[in-house]
């Protein structure tokens, strides 16, 4: 299966959602001079046929206003993993936030959720949903990893709860019930 689009270098975490206005919302995670360690960007396109060119244009323009600057501090990074249309036209986001532990060179990852308003480009209801410490201990794959609980998916159960699927230690997968964040 060949990819239908390839993002520019230093851009990860490209996710899409069919928005309520009929367009395609695209989240990105540029890094480096544009995006630092990794910030979440957002733009919309009309068709998947334009995605690769839109990603290249987005990366070339480096418009800081498209990055959600208030979500992470400079020492942190993160991205989106799954997007959900909400009844009010906003987007529910399952993502991740990462950083280094205090006085440590080891990377720590946590699943987060928040609500994104594509009209105002603002976020609300930001939550860390779980930590690796809520699961049985797991050995990490590499020496530079610390506490790793990486967002894998969110399945609503219909009773106000959701299954949060997560990668642990970059080597195992687990799930935990959380309150539906949206």
Protein backbone atom coordinates (compact mmCIF):
# COMPACT_ATOMS: atom_id res chain seq x y z
CA UNK A 1 0.00 0.00 0.00
CA UNK A 2 1.64 3.23 -1.13
CA UNK A 3 1.21 6.47 0.82
CA UNK A 4 -1.08 9.06 -0.78
CA UNK A 5 0.94 11.92 0.75
CA UNK A 6 4.35 12.43 2.35
CA UNK A 7 5.04 15.22 4.81
CA UNK A 8 8.15 17.42 4.78
CA UNK A 9 11.25 16.57 6.80
CA UNK A 10 10.93 17.42 10.50
CA UNK A 11 7.14 17.07 10.40
CA UNK A 12 5.52 14.18 12.24
CA UNK A 13 2.08 13.28 13.51
CA UNK A 14 -0.01 14.24 10.49
CA UNK A 15 -3.65 13.45 11.34
CA UNK A 16 -6.85 14.30 9.49
CA UNK A 17 -10.55 14.64 10.24
CA UNK A 18 -13.58 15.35 8.06
CA UNK A 19 -14.89 18.52 9.69
CA UNK A 20 -18.53 19.45 10.15
CA UNK A 21 -18.13 22.18 7.49
CA UNK A 22 -17.21 19.54 4.86
CA UNK A 23 -13.51 20.37 4.75
CA UNK A 24 -10.61 18.23 5.96
CA UNK A 25 -8.90 19.38 9.14
CA UNK A 26 -5.19 18.54 9.27
CA UNK A 27 -3.06 18.51 12.41
CA UNK A 28 0.72 18.43 12.13
CA UNK A 29 3.73 18.34 14.37
CA UNK A 30 6.52 20.41 12.84
CA UNK A 31 9.89 20.39 14.59
CA UNK A 32 13.06 22.45 14.45
CA UNK A 33 13.14 26.13 13.62
CA UNK A 34 9.37 25.98 13.02
CA UNK A 35 7.82 24.11 15.92
CA UNK A 36 10.76 23.69 18.30
CA UNK A 37 10.79 20.22 19.88
CA UNK A 38 7.32 19.64 18.42
CA UNK A 39 4.20 21.81 18.43
CA UNK A 40 0.72 21.05 17.13
CA UNK A 41 -0.29 22.93 14.00
CA UNK A 42 -3.66 23.02 12.23
CA UNK A 43 -4.98 23.93 8.81
CA UNK A 44 -7.82 22.84 6.51
CA UNK A 45 -7.95 21.59 2.93
CA UNK A 46 -10.74 20.87 0.45
CA UNK A 47 -9.52 17.48 -0.79
CA UNK A 48 -6.98 14.75 -0.01
CA UNK A 49 -5.60 15.37 -3.50
CA UNK A 50 -4.13 18.64 -2.21
CA UNK A 51 -2.70 17.27 1.06
CA UNK A 52 0.95 16.82 0.06
CA UNK A 53 1.18 20.26 -1.57
CA UNK A 54 -0.65 21.83 1.40
CA UNK A 55 1.83 20.24 3.83
CA UNK A 56 4.76 21.58 1.80
CA UNK A 57 3.18 25.07 1.63
CA UNK A 58 2.43 24.99 5.36
CA UNK A 59 6.02 24.07 6.13
CA UNK A 60 7.41 26.71 3.75
CA UNK A 61 5.22 29.51 5.18
CA UNK A 62 6.08 28.68 8.82
CA UNK A 63 3.15 30.73 10.13
CA UNK A 64 3.55 30.73 13.92
CA UNK A 65 -0.14 31.67 14.32
CA UNK A 66 -1.09 28.17 13.12
CA UNK A 67 0.78 26.54 16.01
CA UNK A 68 -0.93 26.04 19.31
CA UNK A 69 1.62 27.92 21.36
CA UNK A 70 -0.12 27.71 24.73
CA UNK A 71 -0.27 23.94 24.99
CA UNK A 72 3.39 23.18 25.77
CA UNK A 73 6.24 25.03 27.47
CA UNK A 74 9.56 25.26 25.59
CA UNK A 75 10.99 22.14 27.24
CA UNK A 76 7.97 20.02 26.21
CA UNK A 77 6.72 18.62 22.94
CA UNK A 78 3.69 16.71 21.80
CA UNK A 79 1.31 15.84 19.03
CA UNK A 80 -2.10 14.51 18.09
CA UNK A 81 -2.93 10.83 17.87
CA UNK A 82 -6.69 10.71 17.21
CA UNK A 83 -9.32 13.33 16.35
CA UNK A 84 -13.06 13.32 17.10
CA UNK A 85 -15.84 15.57 15.77
CA UNK A 86 -17.86 17.05 18.61
CA UNK A 87 -21.52 18.13 18.24
CA UNK A 88 -20.67 21.84 18.55
CA UNK A 89 -18.21 21.79 15.62
CA UNK A 90 -15.15 21.60 17.86
CA UNK A 91 -12.64 18.75 17.70
CA UNK A 92 -11.84 16.39 20.55
CA UNK A 93 -8.14 15.54 20.50
CA UNK A 94 -6.34 12.54 21.94
CA UNK A 95 -2.67 13.39 21.93
CA UNK A 96 0.54 13.12 23.86
CA UNK A 97 2.78 15.45 25.82
CA UNK A 98 6.42 14.71 26.51
CA UNK A 99 9.39 16.18 28.27
CA UNK A 100 12.39 15.35 30.38
CA UNK A 101 12.05 14.43 34.03
CA UNK A 102 13.28 16.87 36.64
CA UNK A 103 17.10 16.68 36.79
CA UNK A 104 17.00 13.86 34.23
CA UNK A 105 17.88 13.23 30.60
CA UNK A 106 15.18 10.58 30.27
CA UNK A 107 12.09 11.29 28.15
CA UNK A 108 8.65 10.96 29.73
CA UNK A 109 5.42 10.64 27.72
CA UNK A 110 1.80 11.03 28.84
CA UNK A 111 -1.55 10.77 27.03
CA UNK A 112 -3.53 14.01 26.94
CA UNK A 113 -6.93 15.07 25.72
CA UNK A 114 -8.23 18.52 24.94
CA UNK A 115 -10.91 20.29 22.95
CA UNK A 116 -9.76 22.28 19.93
CA UNK A 117 -11.87 25.04 18.39
CA UNK A 118 -10.96 25.26 14.68
CA UNK A 119 -12.60 28.70 14.41
CA UNK A 120 -10.61 30.42 17.16
CA UNK A 121 -7.62 27.98 17.15
CA UNK A 122 -7.95 27.76 20.95
CA UNK A 123 -7.78 24.75 23.26
CA UNK A 124 -9.73 23.99 26.42
CA UNK A 125 -10.24 21.18 28.91
CA UNK A 126 -6.61 19.97 28.72
CA UNK A 127 -6.10 16.80 30.77
CA UNK A 128 -3.34 14.25 31.33
CA UNK A 129 -5.36 11.03 31.25
CA UNK A 130 -2.97 8.39 32.64
CA UNK A 131 0.61 7.72 33.69
CA UNK A 132 2.78 4.64 33.34
CA UNK A 133 2.67 4.29 37.11
CA UNK A 134 -1.02 3.32 36.90
CA UNK A 135 -0.01 0.06 35.17
CA UNK A 136 2.21 -2.86 36.19
CA UNK A 137 5.92 -2.03 35.71
CA UNK A 138 7.28 -2.45 32.18
CA UNK A 139 10.91 -2.34 31.08
CA UNK A 140 11.63 0.48 28.64
CA UNK A 141 13.10 -0.30 25.22
CA UNK A 142 15.92 2.25 25.28
CA UNK A 143 18.05 3.84 27.98
CA UNK A 144 16.92 7.40 27.21
CA UNK A 145 13.29 6.60 28.08
CA UNK A 146 11.76 7.24 31.49
CA UNK A 147 8.05 7.01 32.26
CA UNK A 148 6.36 6.10 28.97
CA UNK A 149 2.58 6.01 28.59
CA UNK A 150 1.86 6.91 24.94
CA UNK A 151 -1.65 7.49 23.55
CA UNK A 152 -2.80 4.64 21.34
CA UNK A 153 -6.53 5.15 20.94
CA UNK A 154 -9.76 6.08 22.66
CA UNK A 155 -12.96 4.03 22.46
CA UNK A 156 -16.15 5.46 23.96
CA UNK A 157 -18.16 2.89 25.91
CA UNK A 158 -21.52 4.70 25.94
CA UNK A 159 -21.81 4.87 29.73
CA UNK A 160 -19.72 8.02 30.22
CA UNK A 161 -16.46 6.05 30.25
CA UNK A 162 -13.88 5.30 27.57
CA UNK A 163 -11.13 2.77 27.06
CA UNK A 164 -7.79 4.58 26.74
CA UNK A 165 -5.30 2.40 24.88
CA UNK A 166 -1.66 3.21 25.56
CA UNK A 167 1.83 2.05 24.73
CA UNK A 168 3.93 1.41 27.83
CA UNK A 169 7.72 1.60 27.92
CA UNK A 170 7.72 1.74 24.11
CA UNK A 171 7.36 -2.06 24.21
CA UNK A 172 3.92 -3.10 25.54
CA UNK A 173 0.30 -2.12 25.05
CA UNK A 174 -2.37 -1.75 27.73
CA UNK A 175 -5.70 -0.11 28.33
CA UNK A 176 -7.42 1.64 31.20
CA UNK A 177 -10.93 2.97 31.72
CA UNK A 178 -11.16 6.75 32.01
CA UNK A 179 -14.09 9.16 32.11
CA UNK A 180 -14.98 10.24 28.58
CA UNK A 181 -12.96 13.46 28.19
CA UNK A 182 -15.30 14.95 25.57
